[in-house]
Amino acid sequence: MGIISWIIFGLIAGIFAKWIMPGRDGGGFIVTVILGIIGAVVGGWISTLFGFGRVDGFNFGSFLVAVIGALVLLFIYRKVRS
């Protein structure tokens, strides 16, 4: 996937992560988008590294990995900020 695709995919994953795990985060929507993009990339990399499957396009498996990555990153961000 190209970088634009990852940004769009991360944006959607970040919105879903924020919807699943609501709360007050500094930065609001911008932080959610950034965490979503980073979570999508890191989640895809870890998934591929451990052999859980490849993130290879806009499909359900890739989306699930991206959302899980964004959730983990959002959780870590909140723990660091508190």
N, C-alpha and C. Protein backbone atom coordinates (compact mmCIF):
# COMPACT_ATOMS: atom_id res chain seq x y z
N MET A 1 0.84 -1.18 0.00
CA MET A 1 0.00 0.00 0.00
C MET A 1 0.88 1.24 0.00
N GLY A 2 0.42 2.27 -0.64
CA GLY A 2 1.15 3.52 -0.67
C GLY A 2 0.95 4.31 0.60
N ILE A 3 1.73 5.36 0.75
CA ILE A 3 1.68 6.16 1.96
C ILE A 3 0.32 6.84 2.13
N ILE A 4 -0.28 7.28 1.03
CA ILE A 4 -1.60 7.91 1.12
C ILE A 4 -2.64 6.91 1.62
N SER A 5 -2.54 5.67 1.15
CA SER A 5 -3.46 4.62 1.60
C SER A 5 -3.29 4.37 3.09
N TRP A 6 -2.04 4.33 3.56
CA TRP A 6 -1.79 4.10 4.98
C TRP A 6 -2.34 5.24 5.82
N ILE A 7 -2.22 6.47 5.32
CA ILE A 7 -2.74 7.61 6.07
C ILE A 7 -4.26 7.52 6.18
N ILE A 8 -4.92 7.21 5.08
CA ILE A 8 -6.38 7.08 5.10
C ILE A 8 -6.80 5.91 5.99
N PHE A 9 -6.10 4.78 5.84
CA PHE A 9 -6.39 3.59 6.65
C PHE A 9 -6.17 3.90 8.13
N GLY A 10 -5.08 4.60 8.45
CA GLY A 10 -4.79 4.97 9.84
C GLY A 10 -5.80 5.93 10.41
N LEU A 11 -6.28 6.85 9.58
CA LEU A 11 -7.31 7.78 10.01
C LEU A 11 -8.57 7.04 10.43
N ILE A 12 -8.99 6.12 9.60
CA ILE A 12 -10.19 5.32 9.90
C ILE A 12 -9.96 4.45 11.13
N ALA A 13 -8.78 3.83 11.22
CA ALA A 13 -8.46 2.99 12.38
C ALA A 13 -8.41 3.82 13.65
N GLY A 14 -7.87 5.03 13.58
CA GLY A 14 -7.82 5.91 14.74
C GLY A 14 -9.20 6.32 15.22
N ILE A 15 -10.09 6.60 14.28
CA ILE A 15 -11.46 6.96 14.65
C ILE A 15 -12.16 5.79 15.33
N PHE A 16 -11.97 4.58 14.80
CA PHE A 16 -12.58 3.40 15.42
C PHE A 16 -11.97 3.14 16.80
N ALA A 17 -10.66 3.31 16.94
CA ALA A 17 -10.01 3.11 18.23
C ALA A 17 -10.55 4.08 19.27
N LYS A 18 -10.73 5.33 18.86
CA LYS A 18 -11.27 6.34 19.77
C LYS A 18 -12.72 6.03 20.12
N TRP A 19 -13.46 5.48 19.18
CA TRP A 19 -14.85 5.10 19.43
C TRP A 19 -14.93 3.94 20.40
N ILE A 20 -14.01 2.96 20.26
CA ILE A 20 -13.98 1.79 21.14
C ILE A 20 -13.49 2.18 22.53
N MET A 21 -12.52 3.08 22.60
CA MET A 21 -11.89 3.46 23.86
C MET A 21 -11.99 4.97 24.05
N PRO A 22 -13.20 5.47 24.37
CA PRO A 22 -13.37 6.92 24.50
C PRO A 22 -12.65 7.46 25.72
N GLY A 23 -12.38 8.73 25.70
CA GLY A 23 -11.74 9.39 26.83
C GLY A 23 -11.21 10.74 26.41
N ARG A 24 -10.71 11.46 27.38
CA ARG A 24 -10.17 12.79 27.11
C ARG A 24 -8.68 12.67 26.87
N ASP A 25 -8.27 12.98 25.67
CA ASP A 25 -6.86 12.96 25.30
C ASP A 25 -6.44 14.36 24.89
N GLY A 26 -5.26 14.75 25.29
CA GLY A 26 -4.74 16.04 24.85
C GLY A 26 -4.50 16.00 23.34
N GLY A 27 -4.91 17.01 22.65
CA GLY A 27 -4.71 17.06 21.21
C GLY A 27 -5.94 16.70 20.42
N GLY A 28 -6.88 16.01 21.03
CA GLY A 28 -8.14 15.68 20.38
C GLY A 28 -8.02 14.87 19.10
N PHE A 29 -8.65 15.37 18.06
CA PHE A 29 -8.75 14.65 16.80
C PHE A 29 -7.38 14.46 16.14
N ILE A 30 -6.52 15.46 16.24
CA ILE A 30 -5.19 15.37 15.62
C ILE A 30 -4.39 14.22 16.23
N VAL A 31 -4.40 14.12 17.55
CA VAL A 31 -3.67 13.03 18.22
C VAL A 31 -4.28 11.69 17.83
N THR A 32 -5.60 11.63 17.74
CA THR A 32 -6.27 10.40 17.33
C THR A 32 -5.82 9.96 15.94
N VAL A 33 -5.74 10.90 15.03
CA VAL A 33 -5.31 10.59 13.66
C VAL A 33 -3.86 10.11 13.65
N ILE A 34 -3.00 10.81 14.36
CA ILE A 34 -1.58 10.43 14.39
C ILE A 34 -1.41 9.05 15.03
N LEU A 35 -2.10 8.81 16.15
CA LEU A 35 -2.02 7.49 16.79
C LEU A 35 -2.59 6.40 15.89
N GLY A 36 -3.64 6.73 15.15
CA GLY A 36 -4.21 5.75 14.22
C GLY A 36 -3.25 5.39 13.11
N ILE A 37 -2.59 6.37 12.54
CA ILE A 37 -1.63 6.12 11.46
C ILE A 37 -0.46 5.31 11.98
N ILE A 38 0.11 5.74 13.10
CA ILE A 38 1.24 5.00 13.68
C ILE A 38 0.81 3.61 14.11
N GLY A 39 -0.37 3.50 14.71
CA GLY A 39 -0.88 2.19 15.13
C GLY A 39 -1.10 1.25 13.95
N ALA A 40 -1.58 1.78 12.84
CA ALA A 40 -1.78 0.95 11.65
C ALA A 40 -0.45 0.42 11.13
N VAL A 41 0.54 1.29 11.08
CA VAL A 41 1.86 0.88 10.59
C VAL A 41 2.52 -0.11 11.55
N VAL A 42 2.53 0.22 12.84
CA VAL A 42 3.16 -0.67 13.83
C VAL A 42 2.40 -1.99 13.95
N GLY A 43 1.08 -1.92 13.96
CA GLY A 43 0.28 -3.15 14.02
C GLY A 43 0.54 -4.06 12.82
N GLY A 44 0.62 -3.46 11.63
CA GLY A 44 0.92 -4.25 10.43
C GLY A 44 2.31 -4.86 10.47
N TRP A 45 3.27 -4.08 10.95
CA TRP A 45 4.64 -4.58 11.03
C TRP A 45 4.74 -5.73 12.03
N ILE A 46 4.13 -5.58 13.22
CA ILE A 46 4.18 -6.63 14.24
C ILE A 46 3.43 -7.87 13.77
N SER A 47 2.30 -7.68 13.14
CA SER A 47 1.51 -8.81 12.62
C SER A 47 2.32 -9.62 11.61
N THR A 48 3.00 -8.92 10.71
CA THR A 48 3.82 -9.61 9.72
C THR A 48 5.02 -10.27 10.37
N LEU A 49 5.64 -9.58 11.34
CA LEU A 49 6.82 -10.11 12.02
C LEU A 49 6.52 -11.42 12.74
N PHE A 50 5.37 -11.51 13.41
CA PHE A 50 5.02 -12.71 14.15
C PHE A 50 4.24 -13.73 13.34
N GLY A 51 4.04 -13.47 12.07
CA GLY A 51 3.41 -14.44 11.18
C GLY A 51 1.90 -14.55 11.31
N PHE A 52 1.25 -13.50 11.81
CA PHE A 52 -0.21 -13.53 11.91
C PHE A 52 -0.90 -13.17 10.61
N GLY A 53 -0.15 -12.85 9.63
CA GLY A 53 -0.72 -12.48 8.35
C GLY A 53 -0.13 -11.16 7.87
N ARG A 54 -0.31 -10.92 6.61
CA ARG A 54 0.22 -9.70 6.01
C ARG A 54 -0.87 -8.65 5.94
N VAL A 55 -0.46 -7.43 6.05
CA VAL A 55 -1.36 -6.31 5.85
C VAL A 55 -1.15 -5.87 4.41
N ASP A 56 -2.10 -6.24 3.56
CA ASP A 56 -1.86 -6.07 2.13
C ASP A 56 -3.01 -5.42 1.39
N GLY A 57 -3.62 -4.45 1.98
CA GLY A 57 -4.68 -3.74 1.27
C GLY A 57 -5.85 -3.44 2.18
N PHE A 58 -6.88 -2.91 1.59
CA PHE A 58 -8.09 -2.58 2.34
C PHE A 58 -8.97 -3.82 2.44
N ASN A 59 -8.73 -4.61 3.48
CA ASN A 59 -9.57 -5.77 3.74
C ASN A 59 -9.81 -5.86 5.25
N PHE A 60 -10.68 -6.74 5.66
CA PHE A 60 -11.07 -6.83 7.06
C PHE A 60 -9.89 -7.17 7.98
N GLY A 61 -9.06 -8.12 7.56
CA GLY A 61 -7.92 -8.52 8.39
C GLY A 61 -6.95 -7.37 8.61
N SER A 62 -6.66 -6.64 7.56
CA SER A 62 -5.76 -5.49 7.68
C SER A 62 -6.37 -4.41 8.56
N PHE A 63 -7.66 -4.20 8.41
CA PHE A 63 -8.34 -3.20 9.22
C PHE A 63 -8.32 -3.59 10.69
N LEU A 64 -8.56 -4.84 10.98
CA LEU A 64 -8.54 -5.32 12.36
C LEU A 64 -7.16 -5.12 12.99
N VAL A 65 -6.11 -5.46 12.25
CA VAL A 65 -4.75 -5.27 12.74
C VAL A 65 -4.47 -3.79 12.99
N ALA A 66 -4.92 -2.93 12.09
CA ALA A 66 -4.70 -1.49 12.24
C ALA A 66 -5.43 -0.94 13.46
N VAL A 67 -6.66 -1.38 13.68
CA VAL A 67 -7.42 -0.91 14.84
C VAL A 67 -6.80 -1.41 16.13
N ILE A 68 -6.37 -2.65 16.17
CA ILE A 68 -5.71 -3.18 17.38
C ILE A 68 -4.42 -2.41 17.66
N GLY A 69 -3.66 -2.14 16.61
CA GLY A 69 -2.44 -1.35 16.78
C GLY A 69 -2.74 0.04 17.31
N ALA A 70 -3.79 0.68 16.79
CA ALA A 70 -4.18 2.00 17.26
C ALA A 70 -4.66 1.96 18.71
N LEU A 71 -5.40 0.91 19.08
CA LEU A 71 -5.86 0.77 20.46
C LEU A 71 -4.69 0.62 21.43
N VAL A 72 -3.73 -0.21 21.06
CA VAL A 72 -2.56 -0.41 21.91
C VAL A 72 -1.79 0.89 22.06
N LEU A 73 -1.61 1.60 20.96
CA LEU A 73 -0.90 2.87 21.02
C LEU A 73 -1.66 3.91 21.83
N LEU A 74 -2.97 3.95 21.72
CA LEU A 74 -3.79 4.87 22.50
C LEU A 74 -3.69 4.54 23.98
N PHE A 75 -3.69 3.25 24.32
CA PHE A 75 -3.55 2.83 25.72
C PHE A 75 -2.20 3.26 26.27
N ILE A 76 -1.14 3.02 25.52
CA ILE A 76 0.21 3.40 25.96
C ILE A 76 0.32 4.92 26.10
N TYR A 77 -0.26 5.63 25.14
CA TYR A 77 -0.24 7.10 25.20
C TYR A 77 -0.92 7.61 26.47
N ARG A 78 -2.05 7.04 26.81
CA ARG A 78 -2.77 7.47 28.01
C ARG A 78 -1.99 7.14 29.28
N LYS A 79 -1.33 6.00 29.32
CA LYS A 79 -0.54 5.63 30.50
C LYS A 79 0.66 6.56 30.66
N VAL A 80 1.29 6.92 29.56
CA VAL A 80 2.44 7.81 29.62
C VAL A 80 2.01 9.22 30.04
N ARG A 81 0.86 9.67 29.54
CA ARG A 81 0.37 11.02 29.86
C ARG A 81 -0.13 11.16 31.29
N SER A 82 -0.51 10.04 31.96
CA SER A 82 -1.03 10.17 33.32
C SER A 82 0.02 10.15 34.37
